[in-house]
Amino acid sequence: MQAMNMNDRLGATFSDTKEMSIRQTRKGWLQECFGCEAADEFKWFNITDGQNIHIATSLEESNCFMRICCGGCHDFTMEVKEEGSGEVIMAMHRPMACNAGPCKCCCYNKMDMSSSGKALGTITEECWVCVPRMSILDSNGGKVYKVHQPTCVMGMCVDICAEGNPCCGKGCCKVPFHIFPGDQSETDNGAPNVGKILKIPKSWRTEVFTDSEAYDVTFPSDATAEQKALIAGSSVWINASFFEAENAGE
């Protein structure tokens, strides 16, 4: 995969990062009990080789009314700012569109990402039936990666045991999204993947009293800094399009 032009800050953040944790901050149970859907805020950590270094923070900019009424599809922008300096590493924009859902032929939910005013690429929903499927595109619209949950039964069902026992074992409460090369034809039924976005369980206090989420991202070994930025940003889109929508419907 060919590298695109990148700014120094993007390269410094992602070039040597193999794993990242993106954690939604605790919104506050009282605020949510009164129906005030707070703007999403995430803290970004480099967890490569057992590290836990807070490298950046991102805060959603959106209309409060739209967050309450259109949780899974509202328009928002988000800048990822370097911890300490406050300099912008990358920016994300999700335009308002139909909620992510099966059997659509248009109005796909997507999010555009950029750095220093230059387009990095897009994550976009694809047409799907049973298992949500997404594509990560570069700035020219070329498909770099395919993303979906691990599957079984000829790709028709989510393999809930992919991370281990989903009830009380290693896989408890984990939701994986596997990353495949854009030109890989077979991605179902345990096909080899090159990376992963994993929604991980948190403490019961956080789960019960807030709708905050956390994602661990494992990057493909040959990914460029720009491609890693696209994958990391995709975890924010996955949260907004699937789990924020789920919480908004409760």
C-alpha atoms as a PDB file:
ATOM      1  CA  MET A   1       0.000   0.000   0.000  1.00  0.00           C
ATOM      2  CA  GLN A   2       1.414   3.357  -1.007  1.00  0.00           C
ATOM      3  CA  ALA A   3       1.804   6.101   1.561  1.00  0.00           C
ATOM      4  CA  MET A   4      -0.023   9.385   1.119  1.00  0.00           C
ATOM      5  CA  ASN A   5       1.287  12.803   2.074  1.00  0.00           C
ATOM      6  CA  MET A   6       1.048  13.344   5.810  1.00  0.00           C
ATOM      7  CA  ASN A   7       1.835  16.080   8.266  1.00  0.00           C
ATOM      8  CA  ASP A   8       4.493  15.561  10.909  1.00  0.00           C
ATOM      9  CA  ARG A   9       2.005  15.446  13.773  1.00  0.00           C
ATOM     10  CA  LEU A  10      -0.061  12.696  12.175  1.00  0.00           C
ATOM     11  CA  GLY A  11       3.094  10.724  11.493  1.00  0.00           C
ATOM     12  CA  ALA A  12       4.415  11.192  15.018  1.00  0.00           C
ATOM     13  CA  THR A  13       1.107   9.959  16.452  1.00  0.00           C
ATOM     14  CA  PHE A  14       0.532   6.905  14.291  1.00  0.00           C
ATOM     15  CA  SER A  15       3.732   5.786  12.526  1.00  0.00           C
ATOM     16  CA  ASP A  16       5.147   3.646  15.342  1.00  0.00           C
ATOM     17  CA  THR A  17       1.819   2.858  17.015  1.00  0.00           C
ATOM     18  CA  LYS A  18       0.794  -0.790  16.710  1.00  0.00           C
ATOM     19  CA  GLU A  19      -2.136  -0.736  19.126  1.00  0.00           C
ATOM     20  CA  MET A  20      -4.375   2.055  20.375  1.00  0.00           C
ATOM     21  CA  SER A  21      -7.167   2.346  22.922  1.00  0.00           C
ATOM     22  CA  ILE A  22      -9.917   4.903  22.327  1.00  0.00           C
ATOM     23  CA  ARG A  23     -12.024   5.451  25.429  1.00  0.00           C
ATOM     24  CA  GLN A  24     -15.196   7.459  25.703  1.00  0.00           C
ATOM     25  CA  THR A  25     -15.161   9.557  28.849  1.00  0.00           C
ATOM     26  CA  ARG A  26     -17.792   9.017  31.536  1.00  0.00           C
ATOM     27  CA  LYS A  27     -20.681  11.312  30.695  1.00  0.00           C
ATOM     28  CA  GLY A  28     -22.305  11.350  34.112  1.00  0.00           C
ATOM     29  CA  TRP A  29     -25.360   9.420  35.207  1.00  0.00           C
ATOM     30  CA  LEU A  30     -27.323  12.449  36.458  1.00  0.00           C
ATOM     31  CA  GLN A  31     -27.013  14.271  33.158  1.00  0.00           C
ATOM     32  CA  GLU A  32     -28.227  11.244  31.249  1.00  0.00           C
ATOM     33  CA  CYS A  33     -31.107  10.543  33.655  1.00  0.00           C
ATOM     34  CA  PHE A  34     -32.572  13.930  32.680  1.00  0.00           C
ATOM     35  CA  GLY A  35     -32.292  13.058  28.981  1.00  0.00           C
ATOM     36  CA  CYS A  36     -29.417  15.435  28.265  1.00  0.00           C
ATOM     37  CA  GLU A  37     -27.319  13.559  25.717  1.00  0.00           C
ATOM     38  CA  ALA A  38     -23.853  15.025  26.205  1.00  0.00           C
ATOM     39  CA  ALA A  39     -21.414  15.478  23.348  1.00  0.00           C
ATOM     40  CA  ASP A  40     -19.075  12.530  22.933  1.00  0.00           C
ATOM     41  CA  GLU A  41     -15.529  12.915  24.201  1.00  0.00           C
ATOM     42  CA  PHE A  42     -12.788  10.345  23.686  1.00  0.00           C
ATOM     43  CA  LYS A  43      -9.323   9.932  25.107  1.00  0.00           C
ATOM     44  CA  TRP A  44      -6.807   8.241  22.828  1.00  0.00           C
ATOM     45  CA  PHE A  45      -4.052   6.040  24.277  1.00  0.00           C
ATOM     46  CA  ASN A  46      -1.025   4.358  22.733  1.00  0.00           C
ATOM     47  CA  ILE A  47      -1.071   0.842  24.211  1.00  0.00           C
ATOM     48  CA  THR A  48       1.696  -0.634  22.051  1.00  0.00           C
ATOM     49  CA  ASP A  49       3.806  -3.202  23.927  1.00  0.00           C
ATOM     50  CA  GLY A  50       1.895  -2.741  27.168  1.00  0.00           C
ATOM     51  CA  GLN A  51       2.132   1.050  27.278  1.00  0.00           C
ATOM     52  CA  ASN A  52      -0.771   3.232  28.369  1.00  0.00           C
ATOM     53  CA  ILE A  53       0.171   6.710  27.139  1.00  0.00           C
ATOM     54  CA  HIS A  54      -2.535   9.353  26.775  1.00  0.00           C
ATOM     55  CA  ILE A  55      -1.669  10.910  23.412  1.00  0.00           C
ATOM     56  CA  ALA A  56      -4.801  12.777  22.313  1.00  0.00           C
ATOM     57  CA  THR A  57      -8.364  13.851  23.108  1.00  0.00           C
ATOM     58  CA  SER A  58     -11.316  14.427  20.790  1.00  0.00           C
ATOM     59  CA  LEU A  59     -14.604  16.224  21.477  1.00  0.00           C
ATOM     60  CA  GLU A  60     -17.748  16.085  19.389  1.00  0.00           C
ATOM     61  CA  GLU A  61     -19.226  19.312  18.046  1.00  0.00           C
ATOM     62  CA  SER A  62     -22.923  18.958  17.302  1.00  0.00           C
ATOM     63  CA  ASN A  63     -26.386  20.294  18.080  1.00  0.00           C
ATOM     64  CA  CYS A  64     -27.814  19.110  21.427  1.00  0.00           C
ATOM     65  CA  PHE A  65     -31.348  18.766  20.028  1.00  0.00           C
ATOM     66  CA  MET A  66     -30.072  16.578  17.183  1.00  0.00           C
ATOM     67  CA  ARG A  67     -28.091  14.389  19.595  1.00  0.00           C
ATOM     68  CA  ILE A  68     -31.246  13.715  21.603  1.00  0.00           C
ATOM     69  CA  CYS A  69     -33.593  13.124  18.662  1.00  0.00           C
ATOM     70  CA  CYS A  70     -31.254  11.594  16.074  1.00  0.00           C
ATOM     71  CA  GLY A  71     -28.659   9.725  18.115  1.00  0.00           C
ATOM     72  CA  GLY A  72     -27.639   7.269  15.418  1.00  0.00           C
ATOM     73  CA  CYS A  73     -27.566   9.585  12.417  1.00  0.00           C
ATOM     74  CA  HIS A  74     -26.991  13.198  13.500  1.00  0.00           C
ATOM     75  CA  ASP A  75     -24.368  15.411  11.876  1.00  0.00           C
ATOM     76  CA  PHE A  76     -21.212  16.024  13.893  1.00  0.00           C
ATOM     77  CA  THR A  77     -17.591  17.052  13.577  1.00  0.00           C
ATOM     78  CA  MET A  78     -14.741  16.014  15.854  1.00  0.00           C
ATOM     79  CA  GLU A  79     -11.129  17.148  16.069  1.00  0.00           C
ATOM     80  CA  VAL A  80      -8.448  14.912  17.552  1.00  0.00           C
ATOM     81  CA  LYS A  81      -6.051  17.142  19.487  1.00  0.00           C
ATOM     82  CA  GLU A  82      -2.610  16.218  20.728  1.00  0.00           C
ATOM     83  CA  GLU A  83      -2.411  15.903  24.487  1.00  0.00           C
ATOM     84  CA  GLY A  84      -0.422  18.770  25.962  1.00  0.00           C
ATOM     85  CA  SER A  85      -0.066  20.990  22.887  1.00  0.00           C
ATOM     86  CA  GLY A  86      -3.711  21.000  21.813  1.00  0.00           C
ATOM     87  CA  GLU A  87      -2.627  20.883  18.175  1.00  0.00           C
ATOM     88  CA  VAL A  88      -5.068  19.211  15.789  1.00  0.00           C
ATOM     89  CA  ILE A  89      -3.872  15.818  14.549  1.00  0.00           C
ATOM     90  CA  MET A  90      -6.895  14.969  12.418  1.00  0.00           C
ATOM     91  CA  ALA A  91     -10.534  15.919  11.972  1.00  0.00           C
ATOM     92  CA  MET A  92     -13.663  13.839  11.367  1.00  0.00           C
ATOM     93  CA  HIS A  93     -17.046  14.775   9.964  1.00  0.00           C
ATOM     94  CA  ARG A  94     -20.133  12.589   9.814  1.00  0.00           C
ATOM     95  CA  PRO A  95     -22.910  14.138   7.717  1.00  0.00           C
ATOM     96  CA  MET A  96     -26.489  13.393   8.670  1.00  0.00           C
ATOM     97  CA  ALA A  97     -27.814  10.315   6.900  1.00  0.00           C
ATOM     98  CA  CYS A  98     -30.158   7.406   7.484  1.00  0.00           C
ATOM     99  CA  ASN A  99     -29.283   5.195  10.436  1.00  0.00           C
ATOM    100  CA  ALA A 100     -26.977   2.323   9.581  1.00  0.00           C
ATOM    101  CA  GLY A 101     -29.251  -0.573   8.671  1.00  0.00           C
ATOM    102  CA  PRO A 102     -29.727  -3.600   6.419  1.00  0.00           C
ATOM    103  CA  CYS A 103     -30.938  -3.805   2.829  1.00  0.00           C
ATOM    104  CA  LYS A 104     -30.306  -0.180   1.887  1.00  0.00           C
ATOM    105  CA  CYS A 105     -29.370   0.770  -1.668  1.00  0.00           C
ATOM    106  CA  CYS A 106     -28.508   4.415  -0.950  1.00  0.00           C
ATOM    107  CA  CYS A 107     -28.156   7.014   1.856  1.00  0.00           C
ATOM    108  CA  TYR A 108     -25.316   5.041   3.405  1.00  0.00           C
ATOM    109  CA  ASN A 109     -23.997   6.268   6.739  1.00  0.00           C
ATOM    110  CA  LYS A 110     -20.363   7.436   6.458  1.00  0.00           C
ATOM    111  CA  MET A 111     -17.678   9.622   7.992  1.00  0.00           C
ATOM    112  CA  ASP A 112     -14.982  11.674   6.245  1.00  0.00           C
ATOM    113  CA  MET A 113     -11.545  12.182   7.800  1.00  0.00           C
ATOM    114  CA  SER A 114      -8.859  14.755   7.089  1.00  0.00           C
ATOM    115  CA  SER A 115      -5.562  16.109   8.416  1.00  0.00           C
ATOM    116  CA  SER A 116      -4.223  19.646   7.952  1.00  0.00           C
ATOM    117  CA  GLY A 117      -7.096  20.352   5.593  1.00  0.00           C
ATOM    118  CA  LYS A 118      -6.233  17.430   3.306  1.00  0.00           C
ATOM    119  CA  ALA A 119      -8.557  14.470   2.888  1.00  0.00           C
ATOM    120  CA  LEU A 120      -7.378  11.199   4.403  1.00  0.00           C
ATOM    121  CA  GLY A 121     -10.358   9.101   3.371  1.00  0.00           C
ATOM    122  CA  THR A 122     -13.760   7.823   4.442  1.00  0.00           C
ATOM    123  CA  ILE A 123     -15.423   4.947   6.240  1.00  0.00           C
ATOM    124  CA  THR A 124     -18.747   4.107   4.670  1.00  0.00           C
ATOM    125  CA  GLU A 125     -21.494   1.600   5.252  1.00  0.00           C
ATOM    126  CA  GLU A 126     -22.003  -0.971   2.488  1.00  0.00           C
ATOM    127  CA  CYS A 127     -25.171  -2.769   1.467  1.00  0.00           C
ATOM    128  CA  TRP A 128     -25.636  -5.608   3.971  1.00  0.00           C
ATOM    129  CA  VAL A 129     -28.321  -8.016   5.124  1.00  0.00           C
ATOM    130  CA  CYS A 130     -27.508  -9.768   8.406  1.00  0.00           C
ATOM    131  CA  VAL A 131     -24.014  -8.601   9.378  1.00  0.00           C
ATOM    132  CA  PRO A 132     -23.055  -4.887   9.113  1.00  0.00           C
ATOM    133  CA  ARG A 133     -20.309  -4.355   6.517  1.00  0.00           C
ATOM    134  CA  MET A 134     -18.181  -1.272   5.993  1.00  0.00           C
ATOM    135  CA  SER A 135     -15.383  -0.123   3.697  1.00  0.00           C
ATOM    136  CA  ILE A 136     -12.490   2.208   4.463  1.00  0.00           C
ATOM    137  CA  LEU A 137     -11.625   4.289   1.404  1.00  0.00           C
ATOM    138  CA  ASP A 138      -8.556   6.426   0.717  1.00  0.00           C
ATOM    139  CA  SER A 139      -8.700  10.050  -0.412  1.00  0.00           C
ATOM    140  CA  ASN A 140      -9.147   8.937  -4.028  1.00  0.00           C
ATOM    141  CA  GLY A 141     -12.065   6.638  -3.232  1.00  0.00           C
ATOM    142  CA  GLY A 142     -10.036   3.438  -3.500  1.00  0.00           C
ATOM    143  CA  LYS A 143     -11.016   0.641  -1.139  1.00  0.00           C
ATOM    144  CA  VAL A 144      -8.185   0.140   1.376  1.00  0.00           C
ATOM    145  CA  TYR A 145      -9.903  -2.099   3.932  1.00  0.00           C
ATOM    146  CA  LYS A 146     -13.100  -4.056   4.470  1.00  0.00           C
ATOM    147  CA  VAL A 147     -14.539  -4.093   8.001  1.00  0.00           C
ATOM    148  CA  HIS A 148     -17.159  -6.343   9.556  1.00  0.00           C
ATOM    149  CA  GLN A 149     -17.769  -8.545  12.565  1.00  0.00           C
ATOM    150  CA  PRO A 150     -16.492 -12.142  12.399  1.00  0.00           C
ATOM    151  CA  THR A 151     -19.075 -14.412  10.814  1.00  0.00           C
ATOM    152  CA  CYS A 152     -20.223 -18.018  10.567  1.00  0.00           C
ATOM    153  CA  VAL A 153     -22.958 -19.911   8.666  1.00  0.00           C
ATOM    154  CA  MET A 154     -21.700 -18.754   5.252  1.00  0.00           C
ATOM    155  CA  GLY A 155     -21.396 -15.170   6.433  1.00  0.00           C
ATOM    156  CA  MET A 156     -25.038 -14.870   7.464  1.00  0.00           C
ATOM    157  CA  CYS A 157     -24.523 -14.735  11.246  1.00  0.00           C
ATOM    158  CA  VAL A 158     -22.155 -13.003  13.643  1.00  0.00           C
ATOM    159  CA  ASP A 159     -19.729 -15.447  15.233  1.00  0.00           C
ATOM    160  CA  ILE A 160     -20.292 -14.548  18.884  1.00  0.00           C
ATOM    161  CA  CYS A 161     -17.560 -16.957  20.000  1.00  0.00           C
ATOM    162  CA  ALA A 162     -14.778 -15.376  17.944  1.00  0.00           C
ATOM    163  CA  GLU A 163     -13.201 -13.803  21.052  1.00  0.00           C
ATOM    164  CA  GLY A 164     -13.939 -16.769  23.322  1.00  0.00           C
ATOM    165  CA  ASN A 165     -16.896 -17.724  25.501  1.00  0.00           C
ATOM    166  CA  PRO A 166     -19.321 -14.773  25.149  1.00  0.00           C
ATOM    167  CA  CYS A 167     -21.071 -15.406  28.460  1.00  0.00           C
ATOM    168  CA  CYS A 168     -18.489 -15.857  31.174  1.00  0.00           C
ATOM    169  CA  GLY A 169     -15.122 -16.500  29.533  1.00  0.00           C
ATOM    170  CA  LYS A 170     -12.476 -14.589  27.623  1.00  0.00           C
ATOM    171  CA  GLY A 171     -14.991 -13.233  25.117  1.00  0.00           C
ATOM    172  CA  CYS A 172     -17.484 -11.909  27.674  1.00  0.00           C
ATOM    173  CA  CYS A 173     -19.117  -8.652  26.484  1.00  0.00           C
ATOM    174  CA  LYS A 174     -16.549  -8.116  23.700  1.00  0.00           C
ATOM    175  CA  VAL A 175     -17.693  -6.990  20.240  1.00  0.00           C
ATOM    176  CA  PRO A 176     -15.011  -7.407  17.543  1.00  0.00           C
ATOM    177  CA  PHE A 177     -14.868  -5.828  14.092  1.00  0.00           C
ATOM    178  CA  HIS A 178     -12.251  -7.482  11.888  1.00  0.00           C
ATOM    179  CA  ILE A 179     -10.225  -5.586   9.303  1.00  0.00           C
ATOM    180  CA  PHE A 180      -9.388  -7.143   5.932  1.00  0.00           C
ATOM    181  CA  PRO A 181      -7.427  -5.865   2.915  1.00  0.00           C
ATOM    182  CA  GLY A 182      -9.657  -4.115   0.410  1.00  0.00           C
ATOM    183  CA  ASP A 183      -8.821  -6.630  -2.297  1.00  0.00           C
ATOM    184  CA  GLN A 184      -9.373  -9.760  -0.177  1.00  0.00           C
ATOM    185  CA  SER A 185     -12.267 -11.656  -1.751  1.00  0.00           C
ATOM    186  CA  GLU A 186     -13.147 -14.032   1.112  1.00  0.00           C
ATOM    187  CA  THR A 187     -13.645 -12.385   4.499  1.00  0.00           C
ATOM    188  CA  ASP A 188     -16.265 -14.633   6.108  1.00  0.00           C
ATOM    189  CA  ASN A 189     -16.256 -17.831   8.180  1.00  0.00           C
ATOM    190  CA  GLY A 190     -12.970 -17.275  10.006  1.00  0.00           C
ATOM    191  CA  ALA A 191     -11.020 -15.825   7.075  1.00  0.00           C
ATOM    192  CA  PRO A 192      -7.649 -14.339   8.145  1.00  0.00           C
ATOM    193  CA  ASN A 193      -7.748 -10.676   9.103  1.00  0.00           C
ATOM    194  CA  VAL A 194      -4.993  -8.065   9.299  1.00  0.00           C
ATOM    195  CA  GLY A 195      -6.339  -5.951  12.153  1.00  0.00           C
ATOM    196  CA  LYS A 196      -9.188  -5.475  14.578  1.00  0.00           C
ATOM    197  CA  ILE A 197     -11.385  -2.932  16.339  1.00  0.00           C
ATOM    198  CA  LEU A 198     -12.579  -4.467  19.598  1.00  0.00           C
ATOM    199  CA  LYS A 199     -15.302  -2.986  21.789  1.00  0.00           C
ATOM    200  CA  ILE A 200     -14.242  -4.025  25.258  1.00  0.00           C
ATOM    201  CA  PRO A 201     -16.208  -4.386  28.510  1.00  0.00           C
ATOM    202  CA  LYS A 202     -15.750  -1.885  31.292  1.00  0.00           C
ATOM    203  CA  SER A 203     -16.616  -1.809  34.980  1.00  0.00           C
ATOM    204  CA  TRP A 204     -20.230  -2.420  35.929  1.00  0.00           C
ATOM    205  CA  ARG A 205     -20.508   1.125  37.300  1.00  0.00           C
ATOM    206  CA  THR A 206     -19.627   2.608  33.925  1.00  0.00           C
ATOM    207  CA  GLU A 207     -21.901   0.220  32.025  1.00  0.00           C
ATOM    208  CA  VAL A 208     -24.901   0.741  34.316  1.00  0.00           C
ATOM    209  CA  PHE A 209     -24.815   4.477  34.887  1.00  0.00           C
ATOM    210  CA  THR A 210     -23.472   5.772  31.539  1.00  0.00           C
ATOM    211  CA  ASP A 211     -23.408   4.815  27.866  1.00  0.00           C
ATOM    212  CA  SER A 212     -19.663   5.378  27.460  1.00  0.00           C
ATOM    213  CA  GLU A 213     -17.726   2.844  25.405  1.00  0.00           C
ATOM    214  CA  ALA A 214     -14.106   1.773  24.911  1.00  0.00           C
ATOM    215  CA  TYR A 215     -12.334   0.342  21.859  1.00  0.00           C
ATOM    216  CA  ASP A 216      -8.977  -1.365  21.454  1.00  0.00           C
ATOM    217  CA  VAL A 217      -7.555  -1.076  17.950  1.00  0.00           C
ATOM    218  CA  THR A 218      -4.929  -3.408  16.482  1.00  0.00           C
ATOM    219  CA  PHE A 219      -3.485  -1.968  13.266  1.00  0.00           C
ATOM    220  CA  PRO A 220      -2.362  -3.968  10.218  1.00  0.00           C
ATOM    221  CA  SER A 221       1.407  -4.425  10.306  1.00  0.00           C
ATOM    222  CA  ASP A 222       1.917  -2.740   6.919  1.00  0.00           C
ATOM    223  CA  ALA A 223      -0.480   0.176   7.461  1.00  0.00           C
ATOM    224  CA  THR A 224       0.781   3.716   6.891  1.00  0.00           C
ATOM    225  CA  ALA A 225       0.181   6.501   9.404  1.00  0.00           C
ATOM    226  CA  GLU A 226      -2.742   7.765   7.302  1.00  0.00           C
ATOM    227  CA  GLN A 227      -4.310   4.316   7.111  1.00  0.00           C
ATOM    228  CA  LYS A 228      -3.941   3.879  10.878  1.00  0.00           C
ATOM    229  CA  ALA A 229      -5.642   7.245  11.367  1.00  0.00           C
ATOM    230  CA  LEU A 230      -8.526   6.082   9.165  1.00  0.00           C
ATOM    231  CA  ILE A 231      -8.890   2.860  11.166  1.00  0.00           C
ATOM    232  CA  ALA A 232      -8.750   4.673  14.518  1.00  0.00           C
ATOM    233  CA  GLY A 233     -11.318   7.197  13.319  1.00  0.00           C
ATOM    234  CA  SER A 234     -13.503   4.327  12.148  1.00  0.00           C
ATOM    235  CA  SER A 235     -13.904   3.193  15.753  1.00  0.00           C
ATOM    236  CA  VAL A 236     -15.534   6.562  16.514  1.00  0.00           C
ATOM    237  CA  TRP A 237     -17.879   6.075  13.563  1.00  0.00           C
ATOM    238  CA  ILE A 238     -18.735   2.518  14.679  1.00  0.00           C
ATOM    239  CA  ASN A 239     -19.565   3.846  18.139  1.00  0.00           C
ATOM    240  CA  ALA A 240     -21.725   6.669  16.777  1.00  0.00           C
ATOM    241  CA  SER A 241     -23.515   4.596  14.144  1.00  0.00           C
ATOM    242  CA  PHE A 242     -24.218   1.403  16.088  1.00  0.00           C
ATOM    243  CA  PHE A 243     -23.804   1.816  19.835  1.00  0.00           C
ATOM    244  CA  GLU A 244     -24.925   5.438  20.224  1.00  0.00           C
ATOM    245  CA  ALA A 245     -27.929   4.572  18.063  1.00  0.00           C
ATOM    246  CA  GLU A 246     -28.621   1.531  20.245  1.00  0.00           C
ATOM    247  CA  ASN A 247     -28.446   3.623  23.423  1.00  0.00           C
ATOM    248  CA  ALA A 248     -30.605   6.348  21.916  1.00  0.00           C
ATOM    249  CA  GLY A 249     -33.348   3.794  21.320  1.00  0.00           C
ATOM    250  CA  GLU A 250     -33.412   2.560  24.918  1.00  0.00           C
END
